[in-house]
Amino acid sequence: MSLLARAETSLAFSFEGAVGHSAPPRLVAAMRHAVFSGGARIRPQLTLSVAIACGDDQPALSNAAASALELMHCASLVHDDMPAFDDADIRRGRPTVHKAFGEPLALLAGDALIVMAYQVLLNAGHALPERLIGLMQSMSAGVGLPNGIVAGQAWECEPRADLGQYQRAKTGALFVASTCAGALASGSDAQPWVTLGASLGEAYQVADDIRDVMGLSADLGKPAGQDLLHTRPSAASELGLGGAVDYFQDLIQTAVDSVPACTCRDMLQQLVRRESERLVPSAACAAYRLPSARSAPVVSA
């Protein structure tokens, strides 16, 4: 079974097990719309690939950790798309949850997915409390304060934000949680996997900035030009498009080089390279690659 197939199967199993049979039908439909609408599933694939590299001696726990992190990611997208933030009409090529189901159900769906993420972990990990605690702490750090995705979203509400800090929190933190989760679920040390998650996560946000400027709405699965519209911190606006492409490639190379020595090192490196090509094709990199500064300056949010 491929990593993607395992991630999808695990996510469906976790969702159905947690949602039950008596919940409000439209709320459940909104949650399904948010979760099962495509997406690369890169976070759960990272979790599972690291788990395999670390022995994967508790596959049910690895599956649950991967699913929990994807549920948390989907919840963040629901809230991010709402009128209070991006007011986006499209996500992954389909109407956003608040457009399809209304704002009240979208807010509740996002909240319910956050709780479901913890339920999924608890249900799978109660027999392994020493691993469960680490997984809960890691996911909480990737979501909450001071440097999780909630903090990343909140930096958009500040008058000034450090670009690197903003990007590491908004996107990178959950990637770090994803790589660490694979190790923790397998009873291994998470620290060797932090750089892979951090560099790949920041690369994702830089790629999002690049594609937003290029106007690649079809690739984004959402409207382009949103960073400028909402005056958000952006690598493309601060480093220039060529500089952002340069920085993106540096981050990808750091991610590739950071994969620890293990039997799955080639698989993980190929996963990173494949995602790099999907995010910002090499042809686009060649067209815009220019010498640029690597620093992340302080910008107005």
C-alpha atoms as a PDB file:
ATOM      1  CA  MET A   1       0.000   0.000   0.000  1.00  0.00           C
ATOM      2  CA  SER A   2       1.369   3.438  -0.916  1.00  0.00           C
ATOM      3  CA  LEU A   3       1.833   6.142   1.696  1.00  0.00           C
ATOM      4  CA  LEU A   4      -1.013   8.143   0.176  1.00  0.00           C
ATOM      5  CA  ALA A   5      -3.378   5.154   0.151  1.00  0.00           C
ATOM      6  CA  ARG A   6      -2.519   4.343   3.759  1.00  0.00           C
ATOM      7  CA  ALA A   7      -3.072   7.966   4.762  1.00  0.00           C
ATOM      8  CA  GLU A   8      -6.474   8.105   3.039  1.00  0.00           C
ATOM      9  CA  THR A   9      -7.606   4.767   4.460  1.00  0.00           C
ATOM     10  CA  SER A  10      -6.506   5.714   7.964  1.00  0.00           C
ATOM     11  CA  LEU A  11      -8.191   9.098   7.744  1.00  0.00           C
ATOM     12  CA  ALA A  12     -11.505   7.602   6.647  1.00  0.00           C
ATOM     13  CA  PHE A  13     -11.319   4.976   9.416  1.00  0.00           C
ATOM     14  CA  SER A  14     -10.488   7.570  12.070  1.00  0.00           C
ATOM     15  CA  PHE A  15     -13.185   9.978  10.932  1.00  0.00           C
ATOM     16  CA  GLU A  16     -15.939   7.362  10.868  1.00  0.00           C
ATOM     17  CA  GLY A  17     -14.919   5.990  14.241  1.00  0.00           C
ATOM     18  CA  ALA A  18     -14.977   9.420  15.882  1.00  0.00           C
ATOM     19  CA  VAL A  19     -18.050  10.982  14.262  1.00  0.00           C
ATOM     20  CA  GLY A  20     -20.537   8.395  15.552  1.00  0.00           C
ATOM     21  CA  HIS A  21     -24.099   7.882  14.330  1.00  0.00           C
ATOM     22  CA  SER A  22     -26.196  10.506  16.105  1.00  0.00           C
ATOM     23  CA  ALA A  23     -24.432  13.799  15.363  1.00  0.00           C
ATOM     24  CA  PRO A  24     -26.280  16.603  13.531  1.00  0.00           C
ATOM     25  CA  PRO A  25     -26.265  15.507   9.872  1.00  0.00           C
ATOM     26  CA  ARG A  26     -25.440  18.878   8.342  1.00  0.00           C
ATOM     27  CA  LEU A  27     -22.534  19.390  10.723  1.00  0.00           C
ATOM     28  CA  VAL A  28     -21.158  15.984   9.770  1.00  0.00           C
ATOM     29  CA  ALA A  29     -21.638  16.828   6.091  1.00  0.00           C
ATOM     30  CA  ALA A  30     -19.717  20.081   6.563  1.00  0.00           C
ATOM     31  CA  MET A  31     -16.896  18.216   8.274  1.00  0.00           C
ATOM     32  CA  ARG A  32     -16.751  15.654   5.476  1.00  0.00           C
ATOM     33  CA  HIS A  33     -16.665  18.464   2.941  1.00  0.00           C
ATOM     34  CA  ALA A  34     -13.665  19.937   4.741  1.00  0.00           C
ATOM     35  CA  VAL A  35     -11.720  16.689   5.084  1.00  0.00           C
ATOM     36  CA  PHE A  36     -12.535  14.615   2.014  1.00  0.00           C
ATOM     37  CA  SER A  37     -12.102  17.177  -0.727  1.00  0.00           C
ATOM     38  CA  GLY A  38      -8.745  16.191  -2.117  1.00  0.00           C
ATOM     39  CA  GLY A  39      -5.462  17.580  -0.910  1.00  0.00           C
ATOM     40  CA  ALA A  40      -1.950  16.185  -1.115  1.00  0.00           C
ATOM     41  CA  ARG A  41      -2.067  14.636   2.389  1.00  0.00           C
ATOM     42  CA  ILE A  42       1.604  15.519   2.736  1.00  0.00           C
ATOM     43  CA  ARG A  43       1.433  15.847   6.549  1.00  0.00           C
ATOM     44  CA  PRO A  44       0.091  12.332   7.172  1.00  0.00           C
ATOM     45  CA  GLN A  45       2.440  10.939   4.543  1.00  0.00           C
ATOM     46  CA  LEU A  46       5.363  12.497   6.400  1.00  0.00           C
ATOM     47  CA  THR A  47       4.157  11.039   9.685  1.00  0.00           C
ATOM     48  CA  LEU A  48       3.801   7.575   8.206  1.00  0.00           C
ATOM     49  CA  SER A  49       7.108   7.665   6.353  1.00  0.00           C
ATOM     50  CA  VAL A  50       8.997   8.708   9.493  1.00  0.00           C
ATOM     51  CA  ALA A  51       7.153   6.017  11.458  1.00  0.00           C
ATOM     52  CA  ILE A  52       8.305   3.420   8.920  1.00  0.00           C
ATOM     53  CA  ALA A  53      11.866   4.748   9.159  1.00  0.00           C
ATOM     54  CA  CYS A  54      11.665   4.322  12.948  1.00  0.00           C
ATOM     55  CA  GLY A  55      10.306   0.758  12.851  1.00  0.00           C
ATOM     56  CA  ASP A  56       6.538   1.437  12.908  1.00  0.00           C
ATOM     57  CA  ASP A  57       6.016  -1.105  15.703  1.00  0.00           C
ATOM     58  CA  GLN A  58       2.576   0.359  16.523  1.00  0.00           C
ATOM     59  CA  PRO A  59       0.994   0.992  13.098  1.00  0.00           C
ATOM     60  CA  ALA A  60      -2.451   1.738  14.539  1.00  0.00           C
ATOM     61  CA  LEU A  61      -0.949   4.553  16.603  1.00  0.00           C
ATOM     62  CA  SER A  62       1.043   5.831  13.622  1.00  0.00           C
ATOM     63  CA  ASN A  63      -2.142   5.850  11.546  1.00  0.00           C
ATOM     64  CA  ALA A  64      -4.041   7.716  14.252  1.00  0.00           C
ATOM     65  CA  ALA A  65      -1.283  10.308  14.635  1.00  0.00           C
ATOM     66  CA  ALA A  66      -1.217  10.877  10.884  1.00  0.00           C
ATOM     67  CA  SER A  67      -4.998  11.228  10.772  1.00  0.00           C
ATOM     68  CA  ALA A  68      -5.121  13.555  13.763  1.00  0.00           C
ATOM     69  CA  LEU A  69      -2.641  15.943  12.183  1.00  0.00           C
ATOM     70  CA  GLU A  70      -4.558  15.995   8.897  1.00  0.00           C
ATOM     71  CA  LEU A  71      -7.815  16.666  10.763  1.00  0.00           C
ATOM     72  CA  MET A  72      -6.126  19.558  12.538  1.00  0.00           C
ATOM     73  CA  HIS A  73      -4.829  20.899   9.231  1.00  0.00           C
ATOM     74  CA  CYS A  74      -8.295  20.694   7.652  1.00  0.00           C
ATOM     75  CA  ALA A  75      -9.789  22.492  10.639  1.00  0.00           C
ATOM     76  CA  SER A  76      -7.305  25.322  10.192  1.00  0.00           C
ATOM     77  CA  LEU A  77      -8.274  25.667   6.524  1.00  0.00           C
ATOM     78  CA  VAL A  78     -11.969  25.928   7.385  1.00  0.00           C
ATOM     79  CA  HIS A  79     -11.300  28.782   9.791  1.00  0.00           C
ATOM     80  CA  ASP A  80      -8.716  30.409   7.510  1.00  0.00           C
ATOM     81  CA  ASP A  81     -11.245  30.624   4.671  1.00  0.00           C
ATOM     82  CA  MET A  82     -13.990  32.304   6.706  1.00  0.00           C
ATOM     83  CA  PRO A  83     -14.992  35.967   6.213  1.00  0.00           C
ATOM     84  CA  ALA A  84     -13.157  37.019   9.369  1.00  0.00           C
ATOM     85  CA  PHE A  85      -9.886  36.053   7.668  1.00  0.00           C
ATOM     86  CA  ASP A  86      -9.577  35.383   3.919  1.00  0.00           C
ATOM     87  CA  ASP A  87     -13.269  35.315   2.983  1.00  0.00           C
ATOM     88  CA  ALA A  88     -12.369  32.750   0.331  1.00  0.00           C
ATOM     89  CA  ASP A  89     -14.933  31.213  -2.001  1.00  0.00           C
ATOM     90  CA  ILE A  90     -12.833  28.274  -3.208  1.00  0.00           C
ATOM     91  CA  ARG A  91     -10.639  25.690  -1.492  1.00  0.00           C
ATOM     92  CA  ARG A  92      -9.144  22.682  -3.282  1.00  0.00           C
ATOM     93  CA  GLY A  93     -11.201  23.627  -6.320  1.00  0.00           C
ATOM     94  CA  ARG A  94     -14.530  23.417  -4.471  1.00  0.00           C
ATOM     95  CA  PRO A  95     -16.682  25.890  -2.519  1.00  0.00           C
ATOM     96  CA  THR A  96     -15.276  26.575   0.913  1.00  0.00           C
ATOM     97  CA  VAL A  97     -17.186  25.180   3.863  1.00  0.00           C
ATOM     98  CA  HIS A  98     -18.784  28.486   4.818  1.00  0.00           C
ATOM     99  CA  LYS A  99     -19.912  29.003   1.222  1.00  0.00           C
ATOM    100  CA  ALA A 100     -21.392  25.512   1.003  1.00  0.00           C
ATOM    101  CA  PHE A 101     -22.899  25.282   4.496  1.00  0.00           C
ATOM    102  CA  GLY A 102     -22.992  28.799   5.938  1.00  0.00           C
ATOM    103  CA  GLU A 103     -20.778  30.516   8.503  1.00  0.00           C
ATOM    104  CA  PRO A 104     -22.286  29.006  11.688  1.00  0.00           C
ATOM    105  CA  LEU A 105     -21.754  25.420  10.532  1.00  0.00           C
ATOM    106  CA  ALA A 106     -18.304  26.237   9.157  1.00  0.00           C
ATOM    107  CA  LEU A 107     -17.211  27.601  12.521  1.00  0.00           C
ATOM    108  CA  LEU A 108     -18.625  24.558  14.303  1.00  0.00           C
ATOM    109  CA  ALA A 109     -17.115  22.157  11.751  1.00  0.00           C
ATOM    110  CA  GLY A 110     -13.653  23.621  12.308  1.00  0.00           C
ATOM    111  CA  ASP A 111     -14.067  23.413  16.081  1.00  0.00           C
ATOM    112  CA  ALA A 112     -15.356  19.840  15.874  1.00  0.00           C
ATOM    113  CA  LEU A 113     -12.415  18.746  13.719  1.00  0.00           C
ATOM    114  CA  ILE A 114      -9.962  20.127  16.284  1.00  0.00           C
ATOM    115  CA  VAL A 115     -11.650  18.113  19.039  1.00  0.00           C
ATOM    116  CA  MET A 116     -11.848  15.063  16.767  1.00  0.00           C
ATOM    117  CA  ALA A 117      -8.084  15.203  16.214  1.00  0.00           C
ATOM    118  CA  TYR A 118      -7.504  14.764  19.940  1.00  0.00           C
ATOM    119  CA  GLN A 119     -10.205  12.090  20.175  1.00  0.00           C
ATOM    120  CA  VAL A 120      -8.508  10.059  17.454  1.00  0.00           C
ATOM    121  CA  LEU A 121      -5.160  10.218  19.258  1.00  0.00           C
ATOM    122  CA  LEU A 122      -6.669   9.363  22.632  1.00  0.00           C
ATOM    123  CA  ASN A 123      -8.632   6.404  21.301  1.00  0.00           C
ATOM    124  CA  ALA A 124      -5.564   4.895  19.658  1.00  0.00           C
ATOM    125  CA  GLY A 125      -2.977   5.726  22.294  1.00  0.00           C
ATOM    126  CA  HIS A 126      -4.617   5.092  25.653  1.00  0.00           C
ATOM    127  CA  ALA A 127      -2.785   1.765  26.000  1.00  0.00           C
ATOM    128  CA  LEU A 128       0.573   3.469  25.353  1.00  0.00           C
ATOM    129  CA  PRO A 129       0.450   6.487  27.678  1.00  0.00           C
ATOM    130  CA  GLU A 130       4.160   7.285  27.428  1.00  0.00           C
ATOM    131  CA  ARG A 131       3.856   7.662  23.649  1.00  0.00           C
ATOM    132  CA  LEU A 132       0.452   9.313  23.808  1.00  0.00           C
ATOM    133  CA  ILE A 133       1.706  12.109  26.065  1.00  0.00           C
ATOM    134  CA  GLY A 134       4.505  12.948  23.653  1.00  0.00           C
ATOM    135  CA  LEU A 135       2.134  12.930  20.686  1.00  0.00           C
ATOM    136  CA  MET A 136      -0.372  15.164  22.460  1.00  0.00           C
ATOM    137  CA  GLN A 137       2.350  17.608  23.472  1.00  0.00           C
ATOM    138  CA  SER A 138       3.822  17.687  19.978  1.00  0.00           C
ATOM    139  CA  MET A 139       0.488  18.294  18.254  1.00  0.00           C
ATOM    140  CA  SER A 140      -0.477  20.944  20.801  1.00  0.00           C
ATOM    141  CA  ALA A 141       2.821  22.759  20.212  1.00  0.00           C
ATOM    142  CA  GLY A 142       2.181  22.667  16.480  1.00  0.00           C
ATOM    143  CA  VAL A 143      -1.257  24.208  16.900  1.00  0.00           C
ATOM    144  CA  GLY A 144      -1.226  26.545  19.906  1.00  0.00           C
ATOM    145  CA  LEU A 145       0.936  29.218  21.491  1.00  0.00           C
ATOM    146  CA  PRO A 146       3.563  30.498  21.257  1.00  0.00           C
ATOM    147  CA  ASN A 147       4.622  29.184  17.846  1.00  0.00           C
ATOM    148  CA  GLY A 148       1.831  26.989  16.462  1.00  0.00           C
ATOM    149  CA  ILE A 149      -0.550  27.585  13.568  1.00  0.00           C
ATOM    150  CA  VAL A 150      -2.906  29.671  15.715  1.00  0.00           C
ATOM    151  CA  ALA A 151      -0.022  32.036  16.459  1.00  0.00           C
ATOM    152  CA  GLY A 152       0.846  32.081  12.770  1.00  0.00           C
ATOM    153  CA  GLN A 153      -2.678  33.159  11.870  1.00  0.00           C
ATOM    154  CA  ALA A 154      -2.653  35.742  14.642  1.00  0.00           C
ATOM    155  CA  TRP A 155       0.531  37.363  13.288  1.00  0.00           C
ATOM    156  CA  GLU A 156      -1.613  38.489  10.331  1.00  0.00           C
ATOM    157  CA  CYS A 157      -3.587  40.601  12.817  1.00  0.00           C
ATOM    158  CA  GLU A 158      -0.489  42.408  14.128  1.00  0.00           C
ATOM    159  CA  PRO A 159       0.785  45.688  12.672  1.00  0.00           C
ATOM    160  CA  ARG A 160       4.260  44.203  12.220  1.00  0.00           C
ATOM    161  CA  ALA A 161       5.503  40.618  11.871  1.00  0.00           C
ATOM    162  CA  ASP A 162       8.828  38.909  11.310  1.00  0.00           C
ATOM    163  CA  LEU A 163       8.413  37.046   8.031  1.00  0.00           C
ATOM    164  CA  GLY A 164      10.366  33.971   9.120  1.00  0.00           C
ATOM    165  CA  GLN A 165       8.582  33.702  12.457  1.00  0.00           C
ATOM    166  CA  TYR A 166       5.225  34.112  10.738  1.00  0.00           C
ATOM    167  CA  GLN A 167       5.906  31.408   8.160  1.00  0.00           C
ATOM    168  CA  ARG A 168       7.415  28.962  10.624  1.00  0.00           C
ATOM    169  CA  ALA A 169       4.322  29.271  12.804  1.00  0.00           C
ATOM    170  CA  LYS A 170       1.600  29.415  10.169  1.00  0.00           C
ATOM    171  CA  THR A 171       2.787  26.413   8.179  1.00  0.00           C
ATOM    172  CA  GLY A 172       6.048  25.032   9.517  1.00  0.00           C
ATOM    173  CA  ALA A 173       4.858  24.176  13.027  1.00  0.00           C
ATOM    174  CA  LEU A 174       2.392  21.517  11.910  1.00  0.00           C
ATOM    175  CA  PHE A 175       5.008  20.021   9.588  1.00  0.00           C
ATOM    176  CA  VAL A 176       7.376  19.699  12.549  1.00  0.00           C
ATOM    177  CA  ALA A 177       4.569  18.039  14.508  1.00  0.00           C
ATOM    178  CA  SER A 178       4.023  15.669  11.573  1.00  0.00           C
ATOM    179  CA  THR A 179       7.610  14.453  11.287  1.00  0.00           C
ATOM    180  CA  CYS A 180       7.996  14.231  15.067  1.00  0.00           C
ATOM    181  CA  ALA A 181       4.720  12.291  15.354  1.00  0.00           C
ATOM    182  CA  GLY A 182       6.058   9.475  13.217  1.00  0.00           C
ATOM    183  CA  ALA A 183       9.023   9.050  15.527  1.00  0.00           C
ATOM    184  CA  LEU A 184       7.011   9.424  18.742  1.00  0.00           C
ATOM    185  CA  ALA A 185       4.361   6.935  17.618  1.00  0.00           C
ATOM    186  CA  SER A 186       7.172   4.425  17.074  1.00  0.00           C
ATOM    187  CA  GLY A 187       8.835   5.051  20.417  1.00  0.00           C
ATOM    188  CA  SER A 188      11.807   6.900  18.923  1.00  0.00           C
ATOM    189  CA  ASP A 189      13.504  10.230  19.542  1.00  0.00           C
ATOM    190  CA  ALA A 190      11.738  13.007  17.635  1.00  0.00           C
ATOM    191  CA  GLN A 191      14.595  15.515  17.669  1.00  0.00           C
ATOM    192  CA  PRO A 192      16.451  14.191  14.579  1.00  0.00           C
ATOM    193  CA  TRP A 193      13.319  14.810  12.524  1.00  0.00           C
ATOM    194  CA  VAL A 194      12.684  18.434  13.500  1.00  0.00           C
ATOM    195  CA  THR A 195      14.743  20.042  10.727  1.00  0.00           C
ATOM    196  CA  LEU A 196      12.992  18.026   8.024  1.00  0.00           C
ATOM    197  CA  GLY A 197       9.591  19.235   9.204  1.00  0.00           C
ATOM    198  CA  ALA A 198      10.683  22.814   9.789  1.00  0.00           C
ATOM    199  CA  SER A 199      12.416  23.322   6.451  1.00  0.00           C
ATOM    200  CA  LEU A 200       9.744  21.561   4.407  1.00  0.00           C
ATOM    201  CA  GLY A 201       6.992  23.414   6.236  1.00  0.00           C
ATOM    202  CA  GLU A 202       8.567  26.797   5.591  1.00  0.00           C
ATOM    203  CA  ALA A 203       9.127  25.783   1.962  1.00  0.00           C
ATOM    204  CA  TYR A 204       5.399  25.123   1.661  1.00  0.00           C
ATOM    205  CA  GLN A 205       4.554  28.617   2.841  1.00  0.00           C
ATOM    206  CA  VAL A 206       7.139  30.207   0.530  1.00  0.00           C
ATOM    207  CA  ALA A 207       5.732  28.153  -2.360  1.00  0.00           C
ATOM    208  CA  ASP A 208       2.257  29.391  -1.482  1.00  0.00           C
ATOM    209  CA  ASP A 209       3.571  32.969  -1.601  1.00  0.00           C
ATOM    210  CA  ILE A 210       5.213  32.336  -4.976  1.00  0.00           C
ATOM    211  CA  ARG A 211       2.127  30.810  -6.557  1.00  0.00           C
ATOM    212  CA  ASP A 212      -0.069  33.535  -5.125  1.00  0.00           C
ATOM    213  CA  VAL A 213       2.011  36.142  -6.984  1.00  0.00           C
ATOM    214  CA  MET A 214       2.220  34.065 -10.157  1.00  0.00           C
ATOM    215  CA  GLY A 215      -1.568  33.864 -10.178  1.00  0.00           C
ATOM    216  CA  LEU A 216      -1.652  30.076 -10.313  1.00  0.00           C
ATOM    217  CA  SER A 217      -5.208  29.733  -8.969  1.00  0.00           C
ATOM    218  CA  ALA A 218      -5.639  26.263 -10.459  1.00  0.00           C
ATOM    219  CA  ASP A 219      -2.509  25.003  -8.687  1.00  0.00           C
ATOM    220  CA  LEU A 220      -3.412  26.736  -5.448  1.00  0.00           C
ATOM    221  CA  GLY A 221      -6.983  25.411  -5.467  1.00  0.00           C
ATOM    222  CA  LYS A 222      -8.024  28.835  -4.158  1.00  0.00           C
ATOM    223  CA  PRO A 223      -8.035  32.432  -5.446  1.00  0.00           C
ATOM    224  CA  ALA A 224      -4.639  33.976  -6.215  1.00  0.00           C
ATOM    225  CA  GLY A 225      -3.523  37.462  -5.203  1.00  0.00           C
ATOM    226  CA  GLN A 226      -4.713  37.079  -1.615  1.00  0.00           C
ATOM    227  CA  ASP A 227      -1.458  38.124   0.074  1.00  0.00           C
ATOM    228  CA  LEU A 228      -1.504  41.526  -1.575  1.00  0.00           C
ATOM    229  CA  LEU A 229      -5.252  41.901  -1.053  1.00  0.00           C
ATOM    230  CA  HIS A 230      -4.967  41.213   2.672  1.00  0.00           C
ATOM    231  CA  THR A 231      -1.530  42.873   3.074  1.00  0.00           C
ATOM    232  CA  ARG A 232      -0.077  39.697   4.564  1.00  0.00           C
ATOM    233  CA  PRO A 233       3.629  38.979   5.083  1.00  0.00           C
ATOM    234  CA  SER A 234       4.963  37.275   1.963  1.00  0.00           C
ATOM    235  CA  ALA A 235       8.354  35.989   0.854  1.00  0.00           C
ATOM    236  CA  ALA A 236       7.562  36.979  -2.715  1.00  0.00           C
ATOM    237  CA  SER A 237       6.814  40.589  -1.832  1.00  0.00           C
ATOM    238  CA  GLU A 238       9.794  40.970   0.509  1.00  0.00           C
ATOM    239  CA  LEU A 239      12.458  39.028  -1.419  1.00  0.00           C
ATOM    240  CA  GLY A 240      11.070  39.506  -4.921  1.00  0.00           C
ATOM    241  CA  LEU A 241       9.745  36.616  -6.961  1.00  0.00           C
ATOM    242  CA  GLY A 242      13.209  35.447  -8.000  1.00  0.00           C
ATOM    243  CA  GLY A 243      14.479  35.731  -4.432  1.00  0.00           C
ATOM    244  CA  ALA A 244      11.534  33.748  -3.113  1.00  0.00           C
ATOM    245  CA  VAL A 245      12.172  30.983  -5.659  1.00  0.00           C
ATOM    246  CA  ASP A 246      15.827  30.940  -4.623  1.00  0.00           C
ATOM    247  CA  TYR A 247      14.864  30.722  -0.959  1.00  0.00           C
ATOM    248  CA  PHE A 248      12.339  27.959  -1.698  1.00  0.00           C
ATOM    249  CA  GLN A 249      15.010  25.842  -3.372  1.00  0.00           C
ATOM    250  CA  ASP A 250      17.384  26.398  -0.465  1.00  0.00           C
ATOM    251  CA  LEU A 251      14.723  25.182   1.967  1.00  0.00           C
ATOM    252  CA  ILE A 252      13.998  22.104  -0.127  1.00  0.00           C
ATOM    253  CA  GLN A 253      17.689  21.226  -0.260  1.00  0.00           C
ATOM    254  CA  THR A 254      17.919  21.651   3.521  1.00  0.00           C
ATOM    255  CA  ALA A 255      14.957  19.296   3.913  1.00  0.00           C
ATOM    256  CA  VAL A 256      16.536  16.699   1.634  1.00  0.00           C
ATOM    257  CA  ASP A 257      19.901  16.892   3.406  1.00  0.00           C
ATOM    258  CA  SER A 258      18.340  16.735   6.875  1.00  0.00           C
ATOM    259  CA  VAL A 259      16.760  13.287   6.503  1.00  0.00           C
ATOM    260  CA  PRO A 260      18.587  11.131   9.066  1.00  0.00           C
ATOM    261  CA  ALA A 261      20.390   7.970   8.042  1.00  0.00           C
ATOM    262  CA  CYS A 262      17.798   5.192   7.959  1.00  0.00           C
ATOM    263  CA  THR A 263      16.547   2.427   5.692  1.00  0.00           C
ATOM    264  CA  CYS A 264      13.892   4.775   4.266  1.00  0.00           C
ATOM    265  CA  ARG A 265      16.169   7.751   3.598  1.00  0.00           C
ATOM    266  CA  ASP A 266      15.836   7.515  -0.188  1.00  0.00           C
ATOM    267  CA  MET A 267      12.038   7.240   0.063  1.00  0.00           C
ATOM    268  CA  LEU A 268      11.821  10.331   2.258  1.00  0.00           C
ATOM    269  CA  GLN A 269      14.155  12.330   0.053  1.00  0.00           C
ATOM    270  CA  GLN A 270      12.124  11.365  -3.011  1.00  0.00           C
ATOM    271  CA  LEU A 271       8.948  12.452  -1.213  1.00  0.00           C
ATOM    272  CA  VAL A 272      10.479  15.871  -0.557  1.00  0.00           C
ATOM    273  CA  ARG A 273      11.689  16.249  -4.154  1.00  0.00           C
ATOM    274  CA  ARG A 274       8.323  15.160  -5.534  1.00  0.00           C
ATOM    275  CA  GLU A 275       6.545  17.728  -3.397  1.00  0.00           C
ATOM    276  CA  SER A 276       9.024  20.388  -4.484  1.00  0.00           C
ATOM    277  CA  GLU A 277       8.222  19.749  -8.130  1.00  0.00           C
ATOM    278  CA  ARG A 278       4.489  19.759  -7.442  1.00  0.00           C
ATOM    279  CA  LEU A 279       4.636  22.985  -5.449  1.00  0.00           C
ATOM    280  CA  VAL A 280       6.891  25.023  -7.727  1.00  0.00           C
ATOM    281  CA  PRO A 281       7.848  23.198 -10.942  1.00  0.00           C
ATOM    282  CA  SER A 282      11.508  23.318 -11.868  1.00  0.00           C
ATOM    283  CA  ALA A 283      10.634  25.199 -15.068  1.00  0.00           C
ATOM    284  CA  ALA A 284       9.193  28.015 -12.971  1.00  0.00           C
ATOM    285  CA  CYS A 285      12.253  28.000 -10.727  1.00  0.00           C
ATOM    286  CA  ALA A 286      14.563  28.309 -13.733  1.00  0.00           C
ATOM    287  CA  ALA A 287      12.529  31.211 -15.110  1.00  0.00           C
ATOM    288  CA  TYR A 288      12.635  33.233 -11.898  1.00  0.00           C
ATOM    289  CA  ARG A 289      15.874  32.183 -10.186  1.00  0.00           C
ATOM    290  CA  LEU A 290      17.887  35.309  -9.370  1.00  0.00           C
ATOM    291  CA  PRO A 291      20.591  36.110  -6.803  1.00  0.00           C
ATOM    292  CA  SER A 292      18.900  37.310  -3.625  1.00  0.00           C
ATOM    293  CA  ALA A 293      19.278  37.827   0.078  1.00  0.00           C
ATOM    294  CA  ARG A 294      18.394  34.824   2.250  1.00  0.00           C
ATOM    295  CA  SER A 295      17.333  36.793   5.308  1.00  0.00           C
ATOM    296  CA  ALA A 296      13.719  37.169   6.390  1.00  0.00           C
ATOM    297  CA  PRO A 297      13.159  40.872   7.144  1.00  0.00           C
ATOM    298  CA  VAL A 298      10.609  42.466   9.413  1.00  0.00           C
ATOM    299  CA  VAL A 299       7.570  43.479   7.400  1.00  0.00           C
ATOM    300  CA  SER A 300       4.269  45.198   7.932  1.00  0.00           C
ATOM    301  CA  ALA A 301       1.389  42.766   8.321  1.00  0.00           C
END
